C-alpha atoms as a PDB file:
ATOM      1  CA  MET A   1      -9.533   0.033 -16.650  1.00  0.00           C
ATOM      2  CA  GLN A   2     -12.750   1.121 -14.969  1.00  0.00           C
ATOM      3  CA  ALA A   3     -12.608   2.880 -11.584  1.00  0.00           C
ATOM      4  CA  ILE A   4     -14.250   1.149  -8.646  1.00  0.00           C
ATOM      5  CA  SER A   5     -17.214   3.086  -7.267  1.00  0.00           C
ATOM      6  CA  PRO A   6     -16.973   4.521  -3.726  1.00  0.00           C
ATOM      7  CA  PHE A   7     -19.810   2.240  -2.650  1.00  0.00           C
ATOM      8  CA  THR A   8     -18.070  -0.860  -3.962  1.00  0.00           C
ATOM      9  CA  THR A   9     -14.774   0.128  -2.343  1.00  0.00           C
ATOM     10  CA  SER A  10     -16.583   0.553   0.937  1.00  0.00           C
ATOM     11  CA  LEU A  11     -18.094  -2.929   0.578  1.00  0.00           C
ATOM     12  CA  TYR A  12     -14.635  -4.439  -0.001  1.00  0.00           C
ATOM     13  CA  VAL A  13     -13.288  -2.766   3.127  1.00  0.00           C
ATOM     14  CA  ALA A  14     -16.350  -3.686   5.219  1.00  0.00           C
ATOM     15  CA  ALA A  15     -16.305  -7.358   4.136  1.00  0.00           C
ATOM     16  CA  GLY A  16     -12.570  -7.673   4.767  1.00  0.00           C
ATOM     17  CA  GLY A  17     -12.797  -5.780   8.059  1.00  0.00           C
ATOM     18  CA  GLY A  18     -15.544  -8.009   9.354  1.00  0.00           C
ATOM     19  CA  ALA A  19     -13.566 -11.114   8.452  1.00  0.00           C
ATOM     20  CA  GLY A  20     -10.425  -9.693  10.058  1.00  0.00           C
ATOM     21  CA  ALA A  21     -12.183  -8.798  13.268  1.00  0.00           C
ATOM     22  CA  LEU A  22     -13.688 -12.295  13.419  1.00  0.00           C
ATOM     23  CA  LEU A  23     -10.231 -13.858  12.897  1.00  0.00           C
ATOM     24  CA  ARG A  24      -8.757 -11.703  15.668  1.00  0.00           C
ATOM     25  CA  TYR A  25     -11.560 -12.674  18.029  1.00  0.00           C
ATOM     26  CA  GLN A  26     -11.090 -16.380  17.241  1.00  0.00           C
ATOM     27  CA  LEU A  27      -7.322 -16.028  17.726  1.00  0.00           C
ATOM     28  CA  GLY A  28      -7.947 -14.637  21.194  1.00  0.00           C
ATOM     29  CA  ARG A  29     -10.362 -17.472  22.020  1.00  0.00           C
ATOM     30  CA  GLY A  30      -7.897 -20.046  20.737  1.00  0.00           C
ATOM     31  CA  MET A  31      -5.051 -18.579  22.822  1.00  0.00           C
ATOM     32  CA  THR A  32      -7.240 -18.592  25.923  1.00  0.00           C
ATOM     33  CA  ARG A  33      -8.189 -22.199  25.247  1.00  0.00           C
ATOM     34  CA  ALA A  34      -4.558 -23.177  24.684  1.00  0.00           C
ATOM     35  CA  LEU A  35      -3.037 -21.224  27.582  1.00  0.00           C
ATOM     36  CA  GLY A  36      -5.919 -21.259  30.011  1.00  0.00           C
ATOM     37  CA  THR A  37      -7.535 -18.142  31.396  1.00  0.00           C
ATOM     38  CA  ASP A  38      -4.667 -17.328  33.756  1.00  0.00           C
ATOM     39  CA  GLY A  39      -2.030 -17.906  31.122  1.00  0.00           C
ATOM     40  CA  ALA A  40      -3.801 -15.765  28.551  1.00  0.00           C
ATOM     41  CA  ALA A  41      -4.274 -12.984  31.124  1.00  0.00           C
ATOM     42  CA  ALA A  42      -0.615 -13.011  32.192  1.00  0.00           C
ATOM     43  CA  PHE A  43       0.626 -11.470  28.921  1.00  0.00           C
ATOM     44  CA  PRO A  44      -1.155 -10.153  25.765  1.00  0.00           C
ATOM     45  CA  TYR A  45      -0.115 -13.156  23.673  1.00  0.00           C
ATOM     46  CA  ALA A  46      -3.152 -12.892  21.370  1.00  0.00           C
ATOM     47  CA  THR A  47      -2.513  -9.220  20.588  1.00  0.00           C
ATOM     48  CA  LEU A  48       1.194  -9.824  20.049  1.00  0.00           C
ATOM     49  CA  SER A  49       0.384 -12.758  17.751  1.00  0.00           C
ATOM     50  CA  ALA A  50      -2.162 -10.745  15.786  1.00  0.00           C
ATOM     51  CA  ASN A  51       0.314  -7.891  15.359  1.00  0.00           C
ATOM     52  CA  VAL A  52       3.161 -10.126  14.184  1.00  0.00           C
ATOM     53  CA  LEU A  53       0.991 -12.296  11.940  1.00  0.00           C
ATOM     54  CA  GLY A  54      -0.783  -9.224  10.529  1.00  0.00           C
ATOM     55  CA  SER A  55       2.550  -7.530   9.831  1.00  0.00           C
ATOM     56  CA  LEU A  56       3.882 -10.636   8.080  1.00  0.00           C
ATOM     57  CA  ALA A  57       0.710 -10.864   5.981  1.00  0.00           C
ATOM     58  CA  MET A  58       0.885  -7.137   5.141  1.00  0.00           C
ATOM     59  CA  GLY A  59       4.474  -7.590   3.951  1.00  0.00           C
ATOM     60  CA  VAL A  60       3.521 -10.543   1.792  1.00  0.00           C
ATOM     61  CA  LEU A  61       0.511  -8.663   0.371  1.00  0.00           C
ATOM     62  CA  ALA A  62       2.457  -5.444  -0.310  1.00  0.00           C
ATOM     63  CA  GLY A  63       5.253  -7.398  -1.959  1.00  0.00           C
ATOM     64  CA  TRP A  64       2.854  -9.410  -4.058  1.00  0.00           C
ATOM     65  CA  LEU A  65       0.896  -6.325  -5.150  1.00  0.00           C
ATOM     66  CA  ALA A  66       4.112  -4.475  -6.017  1.00  0.00           C
ATOM     67  CA  ARG A  67       5.275  -7.399  -8.183  1.00  0.00           C
ATOM     68  CA  HIS A  68       1.984  -8.570  -9.707  1.00  0.00           C
ATOM     69  CA  GLY A  69      -0.368  -5.616  -9.256  1.00  0.00           C
ATOM     70  CA  ASP A  70      -2.573  -4.679 -12.160  1.00  0.00           C
ATOM     71  CA  GLY A  71      -6.020  -3.213 -12.654  1.00  0.00           C
ATOM     72  CA  GLY A  72      -7.613  -5.663 -10.205  1.00  0.00           C
ATOM     73  CA  SER A  73      -5.049  -5.108  -7.468  1.00  0.00           C
ATOM     74  CA  GLU A  74      -6.921  -2.133  -5.960  1.00  0.00           C
ATOM     75  CA  ALA A  75      -9.807  -4.394  -5.038  1.00  0.00           C
ATOM     76  CA  LEU A  76      -7.370  -6.863  -3.395  1.00  0.00           C
ATOM     77  CA  ARG A  77      -5.613  -4.028  -1.555  1.00  0.00           C
ATOM     78  CA  LEU A  78      -8.936  -2.778  -0.191  1.00  0.00           C
ATOM     79  CA  LEU A  79     -10.334  -6.216   0.703  1.00  0.00           C
ATOM     80  CA  LEU A  80      -7.172  -7.753   2.162  1.00  0.00           C
ATOM     81  CA  GLY A  81      -4.887  -4.868   3.187  1.00  0.00           C
ATOM     82  CA  VAL A  82      -7.298  -2.203   4.397  1.00  0.00           C
ATOM     83  CA  GLY A  83     -10.202  -4.509   5.328  1.00  0.00           C
ATOM     84  CA  LEU A  84      -8.991  -7.935   6.464  1.00  0.00           C
ATOM     85  CA  LEU A  85      -5.656  -6.909   7.930  1.00  0.00           C
ATOM     86  CA  GLY A  86      -7.071  -3.648   9.211  1.00  0.00           C
ATOM     87  CA  GLY A  87      -9.726  -5.571  11.073  1.00  0.00           C
ATOM     88  CA  PHE A  88      -7.245  -8.162  12.268  1.00  0.00           C
ATOM     89  CA  THR A  89      -4.660  -5.605  13.412  1.00  0.00           C
ATOM     90  CA  THR A  90      -3.960  -1.945  12.688  1.00  0.00           C
ATOM     91  CA  PHE A  91      -0.346  -2.646  13.605  1.00  0.00           C
ATOM     92  CA  SER A  92       0.171  -4.189  10.187  1.00  0.00           C
ATOM     93  CA  SER A  93      -0.621  -0.873   8.509  1.00  0.00           C
ATOM     94  CA  PHE A  94       1.667   0.933  10.950  1.00  0.00           C
ATOM     95  CA  SER A  95       4.449  -1.551  10.171  1.00  0.00           C
ATOM     96  CA  LEU A  96       4.048  -1.061   6.441  1.00  0.00           C
ATOM     97  CA  GLU A  97       4.101   2.730   6.777  1.00  0.00           C
ATOM     98  CA  MET A  98       7.222   2.537   8.957  1.00  0.00           C
ATOM     99  CA  MET A  99       9.028   0.308   6.420  1.00  0.00           C
ATOM    100  CA  LEU A 100       8.071   2.594   3.548  1.00  0.00           C
ATOM    101  CA  LEU A 101       9.543   5.601   5.397  1.00  0.00           C
ATOM    102  CA  ILE A 102      12.746   3.638   6.068  1.00  0.00           C
ATOM    103  CA  GLU A 103      12.975   2.418   2.449  1.00  0.00           C
ATOM    104  CA  ARG A 104      12.549   6.018   1.249  1.00  0.00           C
ATOM    105  CA  GLY A 105      15.607   6.983   3.226  1.00  0.00           C
ATOM    106  CA  GLN A 106      13.702   8.766   5.966  1.00  0.00           C
ATOM    107  CA  PRO A 107      14.734   6.847   9.132  1.00  0.00           C
ATOM    108  CA  GLY A 108      14.432   9.944  11.311  1.00  0.00           C
ATOM    109  CA  LEU A 109      10.863  10.505  10.195  1.00  0.00           C
ATOM    110  CA  ALA A 110      10.153   6.813  10.787  1.00  0.00           C
ATOM    111  CA  VAL A 111      11.449   7.022  14.368  1.00  0.00           C
ATOM    112  CA  GLY A 112       9.460  10.205  14.937  1.00  0.00           C
ATOM    113  CA  TYR A 113       6.323   8.569  13.559  1.00  0.00           C
ATOM    114  CA  ALA A 114       6.818   5.551  15.844  1.00  0.00           C
ATOM    115  CA  ALA A 115       7.434   7.743  18.880  1.00  0.00           C
ATOM    116  CA  VAL A 116       4.454  10.014  18.242  1.00  0.00           C
ATOM    117  CA  SER A 117       2.196   7.022  17.514  1.00  0.00           C
ATOM    118  CA  LEU A 118       3.177   5.251  20.718  1.00  0.00           C
ATOM    119  CA  LEU A 119       3.158   8.301  23.001  1.00  0.00           C
ATOM    120  CA  ALA A 120       0.043   9.898  21.518  1.00  0.00           C
ATOM    121  CA  GLY A 121      -1.802   6.563  21.537  1.00  0.00           C
ATOM    122  CA  LEU A 122      -0.932   5.908  25.150  1.00  0.00           C
ATOM    123  CA  GLY A 123      -1.672   9.479  26.099  1.00  0.00           C
ATOM    124  CA  ALA A 124      -5.042   9.431  24.348  1.00  0.00           C
ATOM    125  CA  LEU A 125      -5.945   6.125  26.010  1.00  0.00           C
ATOM    126  CA  TYR A 126      -5.010   7.563  29.374  1.00  0.00           C
ATOM    127  CA  LEU A 127      -7.134  10.703  28.770  1.00  0.00           C
ATOM    128  CA  GLY A 128     -10.061   8.506  27.756  1.00  0.00           C
ATOM    129  CA  LEU A 129      -9.717   6.435  30.932  1.00  0.00           C
ATOM    130  CA  VAL A 130      -9.428   9.512  33.128  1.00  0.00           C
ATOM    131  CA  ALA A 131     -12.501  11.089  31.469  1.00  0.00           C
ATOM    132  CA  MET A 132     -14.577   7.987  31.953  1.00  0.00           C
ATOM    133  CA  ARG A 133     -13.458   7.468  35.519  1.00  0.00           C
ATOM    134  CA  ALA A 134     -14.216  11.085  36.373  1.00  0.00           C
ATOM    135  CA  SER A 135     -17.712  10.778  35.007  1.00  0.00           C
ATOM    136  CA  ALA A 136     -18.499   7.669  37.027  1.00  0.00           C
END
């Protein structure tokens, strides 16, 4: 089995990421069209949908790769898992990592990871908002 070059791996991730970002954008447009502007703005339905669909797809992909993975599975993992699903939603990667920690018998670490991810993410977003508002 020949290793994939770093350039080629980057192309897989970029192609998948672009497709995933486009799918997420179109999902948001579709939700706005279906719910109307006010309905779509009332609750983050598109983000919730992307997170749940992306997590489902990540589970299917991880399960398939674990069962059928071979020499070509790294390209699929990069294109679909890191690229497509990463561009569609980073929550799918987070969900996979959480499940792996739980399956490894590390539920405390999984809860800690979830708490730190949520609190640090919200905190960082808040700091970014404060910094930008202060510079205005």
